[in-house]
Amino acid sequence: MDIPQPAGGDPMWAGKDASKGKLIVQICGVGGPGGGYPGEARVVYVPNGEAAPVIPQVSPAELARRAIEQMGLSAPDIELAPPADSPYGATIGFPVWMWTGRSEATTGPVTRTASAGAVSVTATAKLARITWAMGDGTSKVCGPGTPFTEGRAGQPSPDCGHTYVAKSASGTFSIRATSQWDISWAGGGMSDSETMDLTSTARLPVREIRTLNSGGGRP
């Protein structure tokens, strides 16, 4: 917008020639569907006969995207018992435990803020669930799961486990763990929510133990 022009030689001209242009004020803010949002003001020199430079406007939704990118959200850090790198893996009929390694990026909640001028948007992501596709046609919906401890050998997981009832043709099952993140954001006079799915994979060997029972006959 136009402003009263200072006298020639005024520091506001920053060495520019007052006779060859004018000073205007531009608002460096965030643009939205309902118009501009107030932000930082700057004085701009515009030479005679030229248009004022265009200031790129950033929407609150764009600021939300930047905030979400800063979170570094991650797919599950797959942990299994028996572990995937075990030489024997799981055994048919015995419980398998599943959980994710704990960190801000894998279990949250995570909050980040992005700003442009005087406008800020804050986004928060919370882990809603992890869906485990076990490779044998079954799936399990869990929270982060419970880490296995040696004292619980042979026991089923209290909240996230599976028992295989048959082997695969290849001897291993491909496991897919998908985190669903619920994300909400607000700022710049707007708010919204969305979900994000992130998947990681592992392969677990599954073996079968056969026993041979023999009983002696009567003498």
Protein backbone atom coordinates (compact mmCIF):
# COMPACT_ATOMS: atom_id res chain seq x y z
CA MET A 1 0.00 0.00 0.00
CA ASP A 2 1.05 3.57 -0.60
CA ILE A 3 2.51 5.60 2.24
CA PRO A 4 3.50 9.25 2.65
CA GLN A 5 6.86 9.59 0.95
CA PRO A 6 9.79 10.66 3.15
CA ALA A 7 12.06 13.49 2.11
CA GLY A 8 14.90 12.74 -0.26
CA GLY A 9 17.94 11.49 1.59
CA ASP A 10 15.85 10.01 4.41
CA PRO A 11 17.35 6.69 5.65
CA MET A 12 14.11 4.95 4.61
CA TRP A 13 15.23 5.30 0.99
CA ALA A 14 18.27 3.13 1.77
CA GLY A 15 20.30 5.04 -0.81
CA LYS A 16 17.67 4.80 -3.58
CA ASP A 17 16.80 7.85 -5.72
CA ALA A 18 13.51 9.36 -4.52
CA SER A 19 12.92 11.00 -7.91
CA LYS A 20 13.03 7.64 -9.72
CA GLY A 21 10.67 5.62 -7.59
CA LYS A 22 8.50 5.44 -4.50
CA LEU A 23 8.27 3.50 -1.25
CA ILE A 24 5.32 1.25 -0.47
CA VAL A 25 4.47 -1.06 2.43
CA GLN A 26 3.81 -4.73 1.77
CA ILE A 27 2.40 -7.19 4.29
CA CYS A 28 4.35 -10.45 4.39
CA GLY A 29 1.61 -12.63 5.72
CA VAL A 30 -0.25 -15.85 5.15
CA GLY A 31 -2.99 -16.06 2.59
CA GLY A 32 -6.12 -18.11 3.09
CA PRO A 33 -9.45 -18.70 1.39
CA GLY A 34 -11.00 -15.77 3.25
CA GLY A 35 -8.28 -13.27 2.41
CA GLY A 36 -4.96 -12.19 3.86
CA TYR A 37 -3.81 -12.81 7.40
CA PRO A 38 -1.79 -10.04 9.04
CA GLY A 39 1.92 -10.62 9.24
CA GLU A 40 5.15 -8.70 9.07
CA ALA A 41 5.27 -5.41 7.17
CA ARG A 42 8.17 -4.37 4.98
CA VAL A 43 8.99 -1.19 3.08
CA VAL A 44 9.74 -1.81 -0.60
CA TYR A 45 11.24 0.57 -3.18
CA VAL A 46 9.40 0.45 -6.50
CA PRO A 47 11.04 2.17 -9.51
CA ASN A 48 8.80 4.46 -11.56
CA GLY A 49 6.81 2.55 -14.18
CA GLU A 50 7.33 -0.82 -12.53
CA ALA A 51 4.86 -2.98 -10.62
CA ALA A 52 5.44 -3.80 -6.99
CA PRO A 53 7.09 -7.19 -6.46
CA VAL A 54 4.72 -10.04 -5.69
CA ILE A 55 5.04 -11.54 -2.23
CA PRO A 56 4.39 -15.30 -2.25
CA GLN A 57 1.57 -16.14 0.15
CA VAL A 58 1.54 -19.31 2.23
CA SER A 59 -1.73 -20.94 3.33
CA PRO A 60 -2.28 -22.36 6.81
CA ALA A 61 -2.60 -25.78 5.17
CA GLU A 62 0.90 -25.36 3.72
CA LEU A 63 2.24 -24.38 7.13
CA ALA A 64 0.54 -27.47 8.56
CA ARG A 65 2.29 -29.61 5.95
CA ARG A 66 5.63 -28.10 6.94
CA ALA A 67 4.92 -28.78 10.61
CA ILE A 68 4.03 -32.40 9.83
CA GLU A 69 7.21 -32.85 7.79
CA GLN A 70 9.23 -31.69 10.81
CA MET A 71 7.79 -34.54 12.89
CA GLY A 72 9.74 -37.29 11.13
CA LEU A 73 6.95 -39.79 11.74
CA SER A 74 8.05 -43.38 11.28
CA ALA A 75 6.57 -46.75 10.45
CA PRO A 76 6.70 -49.31 13.27
CA ASP A 77 10.15 -50.37 14.43
CA ILE A 78 9.20 -54.04 14.22
CA GLU A 79 10.14 -56.21 17.20
CA LEU A 80 9.22 -59.89 17.32
CA ALA A 81 9.66 -62.73 19.77
CA PRO A 82 10.99 -65.06 18.51
CA PRO A 83 13.04 -62.46 16.59
CA ALA A 84 13.01 -62.35 12.81
CA ASP A 85 16.77 -63.01 12.68
CA SER A 86 16.50 -66.14 14.81
CA PRO A 87 17.91 -69.22 13.04
CA TYR A 88 14.73 -71.13 13.88
CA GLY A 89 12.10 -68.41 14.10
CA ALA A 90 8.61 -69.21 15.35
CA THR A 91 7.12 -72.62 15.92
CA ILE A 92 3.65 -73.71 14.85
CA GLY A 93 1.33 -73.70 17.83
CA PHE A 94 3.52 -71.43 19.97
CA PRO A 95 2.79 -67.72 20.56
CA VAL A 96 4.57 -64.93 18.69
CA TRP A 97 4.85 -61.49 20.33
CA MET A 98 4.75 -58.30 18.24
CA TRP A 99 5.51 -54.75 19.32
CA THR A 100 7.22 -51.60 18.09
CA GLY A 101 10.37 -50.03 19.47
CA ARG A 102 9.50 -46.94 21.47
CA SER A 103 10.51 -43.48 20.28
CA GLU A 104 8.78 -40.17 19.62
CA ALA A 105 8.75 -40.95 15.89
CA THR A 106 7.21 -44.44 16.27
CA THR A 107 4.74 -44.05 19.14
CA GLY A 108 4.31 -40.28 19.65
CA PRO A 109 2.61 -38.06 20.46
CA VAL A 110 4.55 -35.51 18.39
CA THR A 111 3.88 -31.76 18.20
CA ARG A 112 5.57 -29.31 15.83
CA THR A 113 4.94 -25.69 14.80
CA ALA A 114 5.61 -23.90 11.50
CA SER A 115 5.44 -20.13 11.09
CA ALA A 116 5.34 -17.49 8.36
CA GLY A 117 5.45 -13.89 9.50
CA ALA A 118 3.21 -13.49 12.51
CA VAL A 119 1.12 -16.59 11.73
CA SER A 120 1.89 -19.99 13.23
CA VAL A 121 0.28 -23.39 12.74
CA THR A 122 0.73 -26.16 15.31
CA ALA A 123 0.18 -29.82 14.40
CA THR A 124 -0.02 -32.82 16.72
CA ALA A 125 0.22 -36.48 15.66
CA LYS A 126 -0.92 -39.39 17.82
CA LEU A 127 -0.50 -43.09 17.10
CA ALA A 128 -4.01 -44.51 16.73
CA ARG A 129 -3.22 -48.16 16.04
CA ILE A 130 -0.84 -50.61 14.42
CA THR A 131 -2.27 -53.24 12.07
CA TRP A 132 -0.16 -56.36 11.72
CA ALA A 133 -0.69 -58.49 8.59
CA MET A 134 0.94 -61.77 9.58
CA GLY A 135 1.38 -63.24 6.10
CA ASP A 136 -0.95 -66.18 6.67
CA GLY A 137 -4.15 -64.32 5.89
CA THR A 138 -4.72 -63.11 9.42
CA SER A 139 -4.27 -59.65 10.90
CA LYS A 140 -4.10 -58.15 14.36
CA VAL A 141 -4.87 -54.57 15.43
CA CYS A 142 -2.81 -53.40 18.39
CA GLY A 143 -1.41 -50.42 20.17
CA PRO A 144 2.39 -50.23 20.54
CA GLY A 145 2.38 -53.75 22.02
CA THR A 146 4.20 -55.17 25.04
CA PRO A 147 7.94 -55.96 24.81
CA PHE A 148 8.75 -59.63 25.43
CA THR A 149 10.78 -60.67 28.46
CA GLU A 150 12.43 -64.06 29.04
CA GLY A 151 10.29 -64.69 32.08
CA ARG A 152 7.24 -64.91 29.80
CA ALA A 153 8.56 -67.61 27.49
CA GLY A 154 5.73 -69.78 26.20
CA GLN A 155 3.06 -67.30 27.31
CA PRO A 156 0.93 -65.31 24.84
CA SER A 157 1.35 -61.55 24.58
CA PRO A 158 -1.20 -59.70 26.71
CA ASP A 159 -2.13 -57.31 23.91
CA CYS A 160 -0.45 -58.08 20.58
CA GLY A 161 0.34 -61.65 19.63
CA HIS A 162 -0.28 -64.35 17.05
CA THR A 163 0.00 -68.12 16.77
CA TYR A 164 0.76 -69.74 13.44
CA VAL A 165 -1.10 -72.97 12.70
CA ALA A 166 0.71 -73.94 9.49
CA LYS A 167 3.94 -73.32 7.61
CA SER A 168 4.22 -71.30 4.44
CA ALA A 169 5.44 -72.87 1.22
CA SER A 170 8.69 -70.90 1.51
CA GLY A 171 9.18 -71.58 5.21
CA THR A 172 8.86 -67.88 6.12
CA PHE A 173 5.98 -65.45 6.45
CA SER A 174 6.16 -61.83 5.29
CA ILE A 175 4.86 -59.54 8.05
CA ARG A 176 3.59 -56.02 7.39
CA ALA A 177 3.08 -53.60 10.27
CA THR A 178 1.17 -50.40 9.44
CA SER A 179 0.91 -47.48 11.83
CA GLN A 180 -2.07 -45.17 11.52
CA TRP A 181 -1.34 -41.67 12.78
CA ASP A 182 -4.17 -39.26 13.61
CA ILE A 183 -2.99 -35.70 12.92
CA SER A 184 -4.75 -32.47 13.86
CA TRP A 185 -3.62 -28.89 13.30
CA ALA A 186 -4.77 -25.36 13.99
CA GLY A 187 -3.55 -21.84 13.29
CA GLY A 188 -4.03 -18.88 10.98
CA GLY A 189 -7.76 -18.95 11.67
CA MET A 190 -8.10 -22.49 10.32
CA SER A 191 -8.00 -26.07 11.60
CA ASP A 192 -8.23 -29.56 10.12
CA SER A 193 -7.34 -33.19 10.69
CA GLU A 194 -6.01 -36.07 8.64
CA THR A 195 -4.57 -39.57 8.93
CA MET A 196 -1.25 -40.96 7.76
CA ASP A 197 -0.36 -44.64 7.25
CA LEU A 198 3.25 -45.81 7.41
CA THR A 199 4.31 -49.44 6.82
CA SER A 200 7.37 -51.52 7.60
CA THR A 201 8.01 -55.20 6.85
CA ALA A 202 9.84 -58.21 8.21
CA ARG A 203 10.12 -61.89 7.40
CA LEU A 204 9.72 -64.54 10.11
CA PRO A 205 10.74 -68.20 9.67
CA VAL A 206 8.11 -70.62 10.98
CA ARG A 207 8.92 -74.26 11.64
CA GLU A 208 6.97 -77.31 12.66
CA ILE A 209 8.09 -79.64 15.42
CA ARG A 210 6.91 -83.19 15.02
CA THR A 211 6.96 -85.66 17.86
CA LEU A 212 6.84 -89.41 17.65
CA ASN A 213 5.04 -91.18 20.45
CA SER A 214 5.62 -94.87 20.94
CA GLY A 215 4.08 -97.03 23.61
CA GLY A 216 5.05 -100.50 24.57
CA GLY A 217 2.54 -103.28 24.24
CA ARG A 218 1.43 -105.45 27.06
CA PRO A 219 3.82 -108.24 27.90
